[in-house]
Amino acid sequence: MGKFIFFKVLCLSLLVSSAWAKETLRVSVFHFPPHVFSEHKVLPTGPGVEFIQEYLLPEKNWTISWRTTDFARILEDLKNNKTDVAMYYSKTPDREKIVSYSETSLMTTVSAVIVKKDSTLDFSKPERLPKNLILSRNIGTVIPESFKKAGVRFEDLRGEDIFNRSIQLIRTGRTQGYYIPTKGNALYELEKQNLSKEFKVLQVPGEPLELYVIFRKDLPRNQIDVISRNLQEHRERYQKLLQKRYPFQLQPELKWHITTR
């Protein structure tokens, strides 16, 4: 009788522990201030990290294994089953072949180019852009169609400290600007590094960019659905977390370029 009771208790405890077992997901992030700060491969911080921990993958249900790397490598890692989840990617036909997307976007933004303060470049009229125009960019970012038609060439960069490397390329005359898909990121970096007197941010005309949470293609559908529902339910909270990081003087301008429509 005693052995039978012990066996029942053991089975019940196993069922309970199984029901409460956390699932582990590998989450990759890249340095993307003020959303994510992950320089020098340290444990990432920032509003994006907080949003993942508190709302997308709350600690009571999930264990997160962080991966800090560069923008382009994340897509490779998702394709090769080296990570499970990432954020801040727009949709393209090529990307949709190798990753799955959340149903709802995380945020909406617009693209921009950092140029010298005295630059006369006008991206609202791409047909009038110089034929020898060279811009730097983070390799893997989507190039606007207007730039392709205008024959804009790119200096592709990957790895760490791309912002400062791009600034140096402009200063030395190797490039005429730094293309950034998110205008808010450009504004933040210039303000943070006190470069607003030397450089300015020019918006690239076109449709706003929707940035999504992305998943490796073969991640179980039930996990994708849970995360997508969490995103849809808490999307507006991301804006509140983000506002804590922006300098007060930038918020009125950034309000129009980082939104939760």
Protein backbone atom coordinates (compact mmCIF):
# COMPACT_ATOMS: atom_id res chain seq x y z
CA MET A 1 0.00 0.00 0.00
CA GLY A 2 2.80 2.39 0.96
CA LYS A 3 4.64 1.68 -2.29
CA PHE A 4 1.46 2.31 -4.29
CA ILE A 5 0.91 5.71 -2.61
CA PHE A 6 4.56 6.63 -3.20
CA PHE A 7 4.20 5.69 -6.87
CA LYS A 8 1.08 7.89 -7.25
CA VAL A 9 2.81 10.84 -5.58
CA LEU A 10 5.84 10.38 -7.81
CA CYS A 11 3.71 10.31 -10.97
CA LEU A 12 1.77 13.39 -9.85
CA SER A 13 4.97 15.32 -9.11
CA LEU A 14 6.34 14.42 -12.54
CA LEU A 15 3.17 15.64 -14.22
CA VAL A 16 3.23 18.91 -12.29
CA SER A 17 6.89 19.57 -13.02
CA SER A 18 6.31 18.77 -16.68
CA ALA A 19 3.37 21.18 -16.83
CA TRP A 20 5.49 23.95 -15.34
CA ALA A 21 8.64 23.22 -17.37
CA LYS A 22 9.89 26.29 -19.20
CA GLU A 23 10.65 26.21 -22.88
CA THR A 24 14.03 27.59 -23.98
CA LEU A 25 14.42 29.77 -27.04
CA ARG A 26 17.59 31.23 -28.55
CA VAL A 27 17.06 34.94 -29.18
CA SER A 28 19.51 36.88 -31.37
CA VAL A 29 19.98 40.65 -31.17
CA PHE A 30 22.28 43.18 -32.83
CA HIS A 31 23.48 46.57 -31.59
CA PHE A 32 20.64 48.93 -32.50
CA PRO A 33 20.47 51.94 -30.16
CA PRO A 34 18.30 53.06 -28.54
CA HIS A 35 16.34 49.83 -29.03
CA VAL A 36 19.09 47.34 -28.16
CA PHE A 37 22.58 47.89 -26.73
CA SER A 38 24.86 44.90 -27.33
CA GLU A 39 28.34 46.20 -28.04
CA HIS A 40 31.37 43.99 -27.35
CA LYS A 41 29.24 40.84 -27.10
CA VAL A 42 28.04 41.64 -23.57
CA LEU A 43 24.61 40.69 -22.26
CA PRO A 44 22.18 42.91 -24.21
CA THR A 45 20.13 45.68 -22.62
CA GLY A 46 17.62 48.29 -23.78
CA PRO A 47 13.87 48.63 -24.44
CA GLY A 48 13.89 45.82 -27.00
CA VAL A 49 15.42 43.41 -24.51
CA GLU A 50 13.00 44.49 -21.79
CA PHE A 51 10.07 44.01 -24.15
CA ILE A 52 11.17 40.48 -25.00
CA GLN A 53 11.68 39.54 -21.34
CA GLU A 54 8.49 41.11 -20.00
CA TYR A 55 5.99 40.63 -22.81
CA LEU A 56 7.08 38.45 -25.74
CA LEU A 57 8.80 35.70 -23.75
CA PRO A 58 7.92 36.34 -20.10
CA GLU A 59 10.27 34.63 -17.66
CA LYS A 60 7.50 32.64 -15.98
CA ASN A 61 6.99 30.69 -19.23
CA TRP A 62 10.25 30.88 -21.12
CA THR A 63 14.01 30.64 -20.68
CA ILE A 64 15.92 32.93 -23.03
CA SER A 65 19.36 32.06 -24.37
CA TRP A 66 20.75 35.34 -25.71
CA ARG A 67 22.90 35.56 -28.85
CA THR A 68 24.61 38.88 -29.67
CA THR A 69 25.86 39.20 -33.23
CA ASP A 70 25.60 41.44 -36.30
CA PHE A 71 22.54 42.21 -38.42
CA ALA A 72 23.38 40.08 -41.45
CA ARG A 73 24.57 37.02 -39.51
CA ILE A 74 21.24 36.69 -37.70
CA LEU A 75 19.49 35.79 -40.96
CA GLU A 76 22.20 33.21 -41.68
CA ASP A 77 21.84 31.77 -38.17
CA LEU A 78 18.06 31.50 -38.50
CA LYS A 79 18.47 29.71 -41.80
CA ASN A 80 21.04 27.30 -40.35
CA ASN A 81 19.15 26.55 -37.11
CA LYS A 82 21.64 28.37 -34.88
CA THR A 83 19.03 30.67 -33.36
CA ASP A 84 15.24 30.82 -33.05
CA VAL A 85 13.95 34.41 -32.76
CA ALA A 86 15.04 37.93 -33.73
CA MET A 87 13.48 41.39 -34.17
CA TYR A 88 13.59 44.54 -36.33
CA TYR A 89 13.44 43.02 -39.83
CA SER A 90 11.32 44.26 -42.72
CA LYS A 91 9.63 41.87 -45.12
CA THR A 92 11.18 41.01 -48.45
CA PRO A 93 10.46 38.07 -50.79
CA ASP A 94 14.00 36.71 -50.28
CA ARG A 95 13.75 36.85 -46.50
CA GLU A 96 10.34 35.19 -46.49
CA LYS A 97 11.94 32.16 -48.13
CA ILE A 98 14.18 31.54 -45.12
CA VAL A 99 12.32 32.93 -42.07
CA SER A 100 8.78 33.25 -40.72
CA TYR A 101 7.29 36.58 -39.64
CA SER A 102 5.01 37.65 -36.81
CA GLU A 103 1.50 38.54 -37.99
CA THR A 104 1.80 42.01 -36.44
CA SER A 105 4.77 44.31 -36.91
CA LEU A 106 6.65 45.52 -33.85
CA MET A 107 7.13 49.09 -35.06
CA THR A 108 6.94 51.41 -38.06
CA THR A 109 9.82 53.58 -39.23
CA VAL A 110 11.31 55.39 -42.24
CA SER A 111 14.75 55.24 -43.86
CA ALA A 112 17.37 57.97 -43.79
CA VAL A 113 20.88 58.94 -44.82
CA ILE A 114 23.44 60.71 -42.63
CA VAL A 115 25.40 63.30 -44.62
CA LYS A 116 27.66 66.26 -43.92
CA LYS A 117 25.90 69.38 -42.68
CA ASP A 118 26.72 71.29 -45.89
CA SER A 119 25.69 68.46 -48.24
CA THR A 120 23.41 69.44 -51.14
CA LEU A 121 22.16 65.90 -51.78
CA ASP A 122 18.40 65.71 -52.31
CA PHE A 123 16.96 62.22 -51.92
CA SER A 124 13.46 63.43 -52.76
CA LYS A 125 14.65 63.60 -56.38
CA PRO A 126 16.67 60.40 -56.88
CA GLU A 127 16.93 60.97 -60.63
CA ARG A 128 19.11 64.00 -59.88
CA LEU A 129 21.51 62.21 -57.54
CA PRO A 130 25.17 62.20 -58.65
CA LYS A 131 26.14 59.18 -60.75
CA ASN A 132 29.19 58.55 -58.60
CA LEU A 133 27.30 58.62 -55.28
CA ILE A 134 28.61 56.11 -52.74
CA LEU A 135 26.93 55.41 -49.39
CA SER A 136 27.96 53.03 -46.63
CA ARG A 137 25.45 50.61 -45.16
CA ASN A 138 25.16 47.68 -42.80
CA ILE A 139 25.41 44.67 -45.12
CA GLY A 140 22.08 42.88 -45.37
CA THR A 141 19.90 45.98 -45.07
CA VAL A 142 17.31 46.44 -47.79
CA ILE A 143 18.30 48.95 -50.48
CA PRO A 144 15.45 51.27 -51.58
CA GLU A 145 14.30 50.79 -55.16
CA SER A 146 14.87 54.48 -55.86
CA PHE A 147 18.57 54.03 -54.99
CA LYS A 148 18.88 51.04 -57.31
CA LYS A 149 17.34 52.96 -60.20
CA ALA A 150 19.62 55.93 -59.54
CA GLY A 151 22.70 53.70 -59.60
CA VAL A 152 23.77 54.47 -56.03
CA ARG A 153 26.75 52.36 -55.01
CA PHE A 154 27.36 51.00 -51.52
CA GLU A 155 30.29 50.34 -49.23
CA ASP A 156 29.05 47.27 -47.36
CA LEU A 157 30.10 46.99 -43.72
CA ARG A 158 29.57 44.28 -41.13
CA GLY A 159 30.72 43.68 -37.58
CA GLU A 160 30.92 46.14 -34.71
CA ASP A 161 30.89 49.95 -34.53
CA ILE A 162 29.43 50.44 -38.01
CA PHE A 163 28.14 53.90 -37.13
CA ASN A 164 31.57 55.37 -36.29
CA ARG A 165 33.23 53.56 -39.17
CA SER A 166 30.66 55.08 -41.52
CA ILE A 167 31.23 58.55 -40.06
CA GLN A 168 34.96 58.19 -40.74
CA LEU A 169 34.26 57.14 -44.33
CA ILE A 170 32.27 60.34 -44.84
CA ARG A 171 34.97 62.48 -43.24
CA THR A 172 37.70 61.02 -45.45
CA GLY A 173 35.59 61.41 -48.60
CA ARG A 174 35.38 57.70 -49.40
CA THR A 175 31.59 57.93 -49.15
CA GLN A 176 29.08 60.77 -49.26
CA GLY A 177 26.69 59.38 -46.67
CA TYR A 178 25.58 56.52 -44.43
CA TYR A 179 22.29 54.81 -45.30
CA ILE A 180 20.25 53.69 -42.27
CA PRO A 181 16.84 51.96 -42.64
CA THR A 182 15.59 53.55 -39.39
CA LYS A 183 15.67 57.33 -39.09
CA GLY A 184 15.26 57.22 -35.31
CA ASN A 185 18.51 55.27 -34.98
CA ALA A 186 20.34 57.93 -37.03
CA LEU A 187 18.93 60.82 -34.98
CA TYR A 188 19.76 59.10 -31.71
CA GLU A 189 23.37 58.34 -32.66
CA LEU A 190 24.09 61.88 -33.86
CA GLU A 191 22.62 63.37 -30.69
CA LYS A 192 24.36 60.90 -28.39
CA GLN A 193 27.77 61.52 -29.94
CA ASN A 194 27.37 65.30 -30.26
CA LEU A 195 27.72 65.20 -34.04
CA SER A 196 24.64 67.24 -34.97
CA LYS A 197 26.75 70.31 -35.83
CA GLU A 198 28.83 68.34 -38.32
CA PHE A 199 26.20 66.03 -39.82
CA LYS A 200 22.49 65.98 -40.60
CA VAL A 201 19.85 63.33 -41.29
CA LEU A 202 17.98 63.29 -44.60
CA GLN A 203 14.82 61.22 -44.86
CA VAL A 204 14.48 58.85 -47.80
CA PRO A 205 11.08 59.28 -49.51
CA GLY A 206 8.87 56.24 -49.79
CA GLU A 207 6.51 54.04 -47.84
CA PRO A 208 7.13 53.59 -44.09
CA LEU A 209 8.91 50.39 -43.13
CA GLU A 210 7.18 47.84 -40.92
CA LEU A 211 9.67 45.97 -38.74
CA TYR A 212 8.71 42.51 -37.48
CA VAL A 213 9.69 39.74 -35.12
CA ILE A 214 11.12 36.87 -37.18
CA PHE A 215 11.57 33.15 -36.51
CA ARG A 216 13.52 30.26 -37.95
CA LYS A 217 11.37 28.59 -40.55
CA ASP A 218 10.91 25.27 -38.76
CA LEU A 219 10.16 26.66 -35.29
CA PRO A 220 7.01 24.89 -34.00
CA ARG A 221 3.90 26.73 -35.13
CA ASN A 222 2.43 26.80 -31.63
CA GLN A 223 5.47 28.74 -30.35
CA ILE A 224 5.24 31.27 -33.19
CA ASP A 225 1.52 31.71 -32.52
CA VAL A 226 2.05 32.35 -28.80
CA ILE A 227 4.75 34.94 -29.43
CA SER A 228 2.68 36.61 -32.16
CA ARG A 229 -0.31 36.86 -29.81
CA ASN A 230 1.90 38.37 -27.10
CA LEU A 231 3.17 40.92 -29.62
CA GLN A 232 -0.30 41.86 -30.77
CA GLU A 233 -1.54 42.22 -27.19
CA HIS A 234 1.39 44.29 -25.88
CA ARG A 235 2.63 46.14 -28.97
CA GLU A 236 1.75 49.59 -27.63
CA ARG A 237 3.85 48.95 -24.51
CA TYR A 238 6.97 48.93 -26.66
CA GLN A 239 6.53 52.62 -27.44
CA LYS A 240 6.42 53.41 -23.72
CA LEU A 241 9.60 51.44 -23.04
CA LEU A 242 11.30 53.14 -25.97
CA GLN A 243 10.49 56.66 -24.85
CA LYS A 244 12.56 56.15 -21.71
CA ARG A 245 15.71 55.93 -23.85
CA TYR A 246 15.25 58.90 -26.18
CA PRO A 247 16.60 62.33 -25.27
CA PHE A 248 13.65 64.56 -24.45
CA GLN A 249 14.50 67.05 -27.20
CA LEU A 250 14.23 64.35 -29.88
CA GLN A 251 10.89 62.89 -28.91
CA PRO A 252 8.65 65.28 -30.89
CA GLU A 253 10.54 64.49 -34.10
CA LEU A 254 10.91 60.77 -33.46
CA LYS A 255 7.22 60.44 -32.69
CA TRP A 256 6.51 60.43 -36.41
CA HIS A 257 9.12 57.88 -37.33
CA ILE A 258 8.74 55.25 -34.64
CA THR A 259 5.15 54.47 -34.00
CA THR A 260 2.78 51.65 -33.15
CA ARG A 261 0.14 52.24 -35.75
